[in-house]
Amino acid sequence: MENNKKWYKEIISYAGIVLGVMISAVAFNFFLEPNNIAPGGVTGLAIVIRTVTGIPIYLTNLIINIPLFIIGVVVLGKAFGAKTLFATFGLSFFLKIVPYRVATEDLLLASVFGGILLGFGLGLVFKSGGTTGGTDLAGAILNKCFPRVSISSYMMAIDGIVVAIAGLASRKLEISLYSVIALYLVIKVINTMLEGVGYVKAFLIITEKPEELGQAIMRDIQRGVTLFKGKGMYTKEEKDILLCVVNRSQFTKLKELVNAIDAKAFLMVTDMYEVIGEGFQEIKK
């Protein structure tokens, strides 16, 4: 039974990678490549090379990524695995077979919709346990060789260089600027898919009426409350701190409840991208 479940999950993850690279290919062939917008990464660099030499981006993507993958296996071990290789070949395959269409010649629309589609596609790939090689693999290799700089810093530097080269290759500064927009949207959409939209809020409440307020929250909003003990560094006084997590529809109600019971309470609110436990998301076994 466990083996069947494992194989089922593997099939689902590979299907997610296929769908993700297909959507990414649509983003490139319909929006980004026709307008020379290069949102970082190896495929962005492939767009720049295609602008200068005419070499198809699916071919450049393979030519750069395969040696990069081999170096990654040598330097990092088998950390990136079969799914990265599968996604890399899959992206090049769909870049080849997806029809080349100019969906819009408006650079702003192309950068916005291309960036959103690409971010969604790559987000699916990442959620399925794969990567398309490129910037993240190069960043990991560089970090292994020169650990003083973080992987994210290397990735930002590589993407920045690609965006700058895109403007130089097309001889238009605006291409670099629109590439920055596309890159920003790609990162935001990927992060949203991996971390969630942030529909859940966490409240930290420093109050003089912890018992009354805690009981009211549990009774009126029907959410659990946790009491912490703290100490003010300036006053040296003991402080009671309540922690409560609510969904978006309960956000305003909790603020009003706190204000009604203790108008002098100190309130901090933050987004929670994932909450696992009773009343929210169940723990996956």
Protein backbone atom coordinates (compact mmCIF):
# COMPACT_ATOMS: atom_id res chain seq x y z
CA MET A 1 0.00 0.00 0.00
CA GLU A 2 2.81 2.39 0.95
CA ASN A 3 4.70 1.60 -2.26
CA ASN A 4 1.60 2.27 -4.36
CA LYS A 5 1.12 5.60 -2.60
CA LYS A 6 4.76 6.51 -3.19
CA TRP A 7 4.51 5.73 -6.91
CA TYR A 8 1.28 7.72 -7.11
CA LYS A 9 2.99 10.76 -5.58
CA GLU A 10 5.92 10.40 -7.98
CA ILE A 11 3.58 10.32 -10.99
CA ILE A 12 1.78 13.42 -9.71
CA SER A 13 5.08 15.26 -9.17
CA TYR A 14 6.36 14.45 -12.67
CA ALA A 15 3.00 15.49 -14.13
CA GLY A 16 3.36 18.79 -12.25
CA ILE A 17 6.82 19.30 -13.74
CA VAL A 18 5.50 18.63 -17.27
CA LEU A 19 2.65 21.11 -16.80
CA GLY A 20 5.03 23.65 -15.27
CA VAL A 21 7.60 23.56 -18.07
CA MET A 22 4.84 23.67 -20.68
CA ILE A 23 3.39 26.85 -19.13
CA SER A 24 6.91 28.30 -18.92
CA ALA A 25 7.45 27.59 -22.61
CA VAL A 26 4.20 29.40 -23.44
CA ALA A 27 5.41 32.40 -21.44
CA PHE A 28 8.66 32.49 -23.41
CA ASN A 29 7.28 31.78 -26.89
CA PHE A 30 4.20 34.04 -26.64
CA PHE A 31 5.36 36.98 -24.54
CA LEU A 32 9.03 37.18 -23.59
CA GLU A 33 11.12 35.97 -26.55
CA PRO A 34 9.14 37.85 -29.26
CA ASN A 35 9.84 41.09 -27.38
CA ASN A 36 13.45 40.23 -26.40
CA ILE A 37 12.53 40.42 -22.69
CA ALA A 38 15.03 38.36 -20.69
CA PRO A 39 13.89 37.81 -17.07
CA GLY A 40 17.22 36.45 -15.83
CA GLY A 41 18.34 32.84 -15.72
CA VAL A 42 19.79 30.60 -18.41
CA THR A 43 16.70 30.85 -20.60
CA GLY A 44 16.83 34.63 -20.32
CA LEU A 45 20.45 34.48 -21.43
CA ALA A 46 19.35 32.21 -24.29
CA ILE A 47 16.97 34.96 -25.44
CA VAL A 48 19.89 37.41 -25.52
CA ILE A 49 22.01 34.94 -27.50
CA ARG A 50 19.13 34.36 -29.93
CA THR A 51 18.85 38.13 -30.43
CA VAL A 52 22.53 38.36 -31.39
CA THR A 53 23.14 35.06 -33.19
CA GLY A 54 19.75 33.65 -34.11
CA ILE A 55 20.38 30.35 -32.25
CA PRO A 56 17.04 28.98 -30.94
CA ILE A 57 16.58 29.37 -27.19
CA TYR A 58 15.69 25.69 -26.68
CA LEU A 59 19.10 24.72 -28.06
CA THR A 60 21.05 27.28 -26.03
CA ASN A 61 19.12 26.20 -22.93
CA LEU A 62 20.40 22.65 -23.38
CA ILE A 63 23.94 23.66 -24.35
CA ILE A 64 24.34 25.68 -21.13
CA ASN A 65 22.30 23.59 -18.72
CA ILE A 66 23.70 20.12 -19.47
CA PRO A 67 27.33 21.01 -18.60
CA LEU A 68 26.02 23.01 -15.65
CA PHE A 69 24.12 19.95 -14.43
CA ILE A 70 27.21 17.73 -14.80
CA ILE A 71 29.30 20.24 -12.85
CA GLY A 72 26.55 20.37 -10.23
CA VAL A 73 26.60 16.60 -9.78
CA VAL A 74 30.42 16.65 -9.42
CA VAL A 75 30.52 19.60 -7.01
CA LEU A 76 27.27 19.11 -5.07
CA GLY A 77 26.64 15.40 -5.42
CA LYS A 78 23.24 14.11 -6.54
CA ALA A 79 21.34 16.79 -4.64
CA PHE A 80 19.41 18.02 -7.66
CA GLY A 81 18.58 14.57 -8.96
CA ALA A 82 16.57 13.18 -11.84
CA LYS A 83 13.75 15.71 -11.61
CA THR A 84 16.07 18.61 -12.42
CA LEU A 85 17.39 16.78 -15.48
CA PHE A 86 13.83 15.88 -16.48
CA ALA A 87 12.66 19.49 -16.09
CA THR A 88 15.66 20.85 -18.02
CA PHE A 89 15.03 18.58 -21.02
CA GLY A 90 11.28 19.10 -20.68
CA LEU A 91 11.61 22.87 -20.89
CA SER A 92 13.77 22.67 -24.01
CA PHE A 93 11.33 20.17 -25.53
CA PHE A 94 8.32 22.45 -25.04
CA LEU A 95 10.28 25.52 -26.16
CA LYS A 96 10.76 23.61 -29.41
CA ILE A 97 7.19 22.33 -29.95
CA VAL A 98 5.07 25.19 -28.53
CA PRO A 99 4.15 27.46 -31.47
CA TYR A 100 6.00 30.77 -31.65
CA ARG A 101 3.34 33.49 -31.46
CA VAL A 102 3.49 37.21 -30.75
CA ALA A 103 0.67 37.57 -28.24
CA THR A 104 1.31 41.32 -27.87
CA GLU A 105 3.87 43.85 -29.02
CA ASP A 106 3.21 46.04 -25.98
CA LEU A 107 6.36 45.64 -23.86
CA LEU A 108 4.56 46.30 -20.57
CA LEU A 109 1.85 43.71 -21.25
CA ALA A 110 4.47 41.24 -22.46
CA SER A 111 6.63 41.67 -19.35
CA VAL A 112 3.65 41.48 -16.96
CA PHE A 113 1.85 38.48 -18.45
CA GLY A 114 5.09 36.75 -19.43
CA GLY A 115 6.45 37.19 -15.90
CA ILE A 116 3.24 35.94 -14.26
CA LEU A 117 2.97 32.90 -16.54
CA LEU A 118 6.65 32.04 -16.15
CA GLY A 119 6.47 32.41 -12.37
CA PHE A 120 3.41 30.15 -12.27
CA GLY A 121 5.10 27.53 -14.43
CA LEU A 122 8.37 27.55 -12.48
CA GLY A 123 6.39 27.54 -9.23
CA LEU A 124 4.71 24.30 -10.32
CA VAL A 125 8.10 22.81 -11.13
CA PHE A 126 9.52 23.79 -7.72
CA LYS A 127 6.43 22.53 -5.85
CA SER A 128 6.84 19.23 -7.67
CA GLY A 129 10.39 18.86 -6.37
CA GLY A 130 12.32 19.83 -9.50
CA THR A 131 14.19 22.82 -10.89
CA THR A 132 15.08 23.86 -14.42
CA GLY A 133 18.77 24.15 -13.52
CA GLY A 134 20.01 27.57 -14.50
CA THR A 135 20.44 30.32 -11.94
CA ASP A 136 19.68 28.30 -8.81
CA LEU A 137 22.07 25.52 -9.82
CA ALA A 138 24.80 28.01 -10.78
CA GLY A 139 24.30 29.83 -7.48
CA ALA A 140 24.62 26.60 -5.51
CA ILE A 141 27.82 25.64 -7.35
CA LEU A 142 29.40 29.08 -6.79
CA ASN A 143 28.38 29.00 -3.12
CA LYS A 144 30.06 25.62 -2.70
CA CYS A 145 33.28 26.96 -4.20
CA PHE A 146 33.10 30.42 -2.57
CA PRO A 147 30.92 30.00 0.55
CA ARG A 148 31.35 33.56 1.84
CA VAL A 149 28.60 34.71 -0.54
CA SER A 150 25.08 33.26 -0.19
CA ILE A 151 23.30 31.33 -2.94
CA SER A 152 20.60 34.01 -3.21
CA SER A 153 23.24 36.72 -3.70
CA TYR A 154 24.83 34.76 -6.54
CA MET A 155 21.40 34.24 -8.11
CA MET A 156 20.59 37.95 -7.91
CA ALA A 157 23.96 38.84 -9.42
CA ILE A 158 23.53 36.39 -12.32
CA ASP A 159 19.97 37.54 -13.03
CA GLY A 160 21.09 41.18 -12.87
CA ILE A 161 23.87 40.55 -15.38
CA VAL A 162 21.46 38.80 -17.78
CA VAL A 163 18.97 41.67 -17.53
CA ALA A 164 21.73 44.22 -18.23
CA ILE A 165 23.03 42.23 -21.21
CA ALA A 166 19.50 42.06 -22.62
CA GLY A 167 19.43 45.85 -22.88
CA LEU A 168 22.88 45.98 -24.46
CA ALA A 169 22.06 43.27 -27.00
CA SER A 170 18.88 44.99 -28.14
CA ARG A 171 20.49 48.44 -27.82
CA LYS A 172 17.45 49.61 -25.89
CA LEU A 173 17.59 50.52 -22.21
CA GLU A 174 13.84 49.97 -21.92
CA ILE A 175 14.31 46.26 -22.67
CA SER A 176 16.40 45.95 -19.51
CA LEU A 177 13.77 47.88 -17.55
CA TYR A 178 10.93 45.67 -18.76
CA SER A 179 13.09 42.61 -18.07
CA VAL A 180 13.39 43.79 -14.45
CA ILE A 181 9.58 43.98 -14.24
CA ALA A 182 9.25 40.45 -15.61
CA LEU A 183 11.96 39.13 -13.24
CA TYR A 184 10.25 40.74 -10.24
CA LEU A 185 6.89 39.19 -11.15
CA VAL A 186 8.49 35.78 -11.72
CA ILE A 187 10.02 35.86 -8.22
CA LYS A 188 6.80 37.13 -6.57
CA VAL A 189 4.58 34.51 -8.22
CA ILE A 190 7.02 31.68 -7.37
CA ASN A 191 7.19 32.82 -3.74
CA THR A 192 3.40 33.09 -3.55
CA MET A 193 2.98 29.56 -4.90
CA LEU A 194 5.60 28.09 -2.56
CA GLU A 195 4.67 30.03 0.59
CA GLY A 196 0.96 30.68 0.08
CA VAL A 197 -1.05 33.84 -0.35
CA GLY A 198 -1.02 34.84 3.31
CA TYR A 199 -4.75 34.56 4.08
CA VAL A 200 -3.94 33.71 7.71
CA LYS A 201 -2.91 36.38 10.22
CA ALA A 202 -1.05 36.02 13.51
CA PHE A 203 -1.77 38.47 16.32
CA LEU A 204 0.69 39.20 19.15
CA ILE A 205 -1.12 41.18 21.82
CA ILE A 206 0.58 42.74 24.84
CA THR A 207 -2.27 43.43 27.24
CA GLU A 208 -3.05 44.25 30.87
CA LYS A 209 -6.19 42.09 30.63
CA PRO A 210 -4.94 38.72 29.34
CA GLU A 211 -7.57 36.55 31.04
CA GLU A 212 -10.56 38.63 29.96
CA LEU A 213 -9.27 39.11 26.43
CA GLY A 214 -8.24 35.47 26.01
CA GLN A 215 -11.63 34.20 27.13
CA ALA A 216 -13.41 36.64 24.79
CA ILE A 217 -11.33 35.49 21.80
CA MET A 218 -12.06 31.83 22.50
CA ARG A 219 -15.75 32.52 23.11
CA ASP A 220 -16.58 35.06 20.39
CA ILE A 221 -14.13 34.15 17.62
CA GLN A 222 -13.66 30.50 18.59
CA ARG A 223 -9.90 30.54 18.13
CA GLY A 224 -7.28 29.17 20.48
CA VAL A 225 -5.03 31.56 22.37
CA THR A 226 -1.55 31.03 23.82
CA LEU A 227 -0.22 33.07 26.75
CA PHE A 228 3.45 34.07 26.90
CA LYS A 229 5.26 35.80 29.73
CA GLY A 230 7.53 38.70 28.79
CA LYS A 231 9.38 41.58 30.39
CA GLY A 232 9.64 45.18 29.23
CA MET A 233 13.30 46.11 28.85
CA TYR A 234 12.64 49.79 29.61
CA THR A 235 10.15 49.48 32.50
CA LYS A 236 11.44 46.08 33.74
CA GLU A 237 7.79 45.15 34.29
CA GLU A 238 6.35 41.70 33.64
CA LYS A 239 4.16 41.60 30.50
CA ASP A 240 1.47 39.18 29.35
CA ILE A 241 1.53 38.41 25.62
CA LEU A 242 -1.28 36.61 23.80
CA LEU A 243 -0.71 34.77 20.52
CA CYS A 244 -3.71 34.09 18.31
CA VAL A 245 -3.92 32.96 14.67
CA VAL A 246 -7.05 33.79 12.67
CA ASN A 247 -8.17 33.63 9.06
CA ARG A 248 -8.76 36.73 6.96
CA SER A 249 -12.49 36.93 7.64
CA GLN A 250 -11.83 37.11 11.41
CA PHE A 251 -9.14 39.79 11.14
CA THR A 252 -11.33 42.87 11.68
CA LYS A 253 -13.45 41.19 14.34
CA LEU A 254 -10.39 40.39 16.45
CA LYS A 255 -9.06 43.95 16.17
CA GLU A 256 -12.43 45.33 17.30
CA LEU A 257 -12.57 42.85 20.17
CA VAL A 258 -9.10 43.83 21.40
CA ASN A 259 -9.98 47.53 21.19
CA ALA A 260 -13.25 47.01 23.10
CA ILE A 261 -11.65 45.10 25.99
CA ASP A 262 -8.24 46.77 26.24
CA ALA A 263 -7.88 49.94 24.18
CA LYS A 264 -4.31 50.37 25.49
CA ALA A 265 -3.18 46.95 24.25
CA PHE A 266 -0.08 46.81 22.04
CA LEU A 267 -1.02 44.89 18.90
CA MET A 268 1.25 43.33 16.25
CA VAL A 269 -0.12 41.59 13.15
CA THR A 270 1.83 39.52 10.63
CA ASP A 271 1.05 37.27 7.65
CA MET A 272 1.33 33.52 8.19
CA TYR A 273 1.93 31.65 4.96
CA GLU A 274 1.24 28.20 6.37
CA VAL A 275 -0.46 27.10 9.57
CA ILE A 276 -0.71 23.38 10.31
CA GLY A 277 -2.92 22.14 13.10
CA GLU A 278 -6.50 21.99 14.35
CA GLY A 279 -8.78 24.50 12.69
CA PHE A 280 -6.39 25.15 9.81
CA GLN A 281 -4.45 22.69 7.65
CA GLU A 282 -4.21 19.08 8.71
CA ILE A 283 -0.83 17.47 9.29
CA LYS A 284 -0.05 15.21 6.32
CA LYS A 285 0.94 11.72 7.38
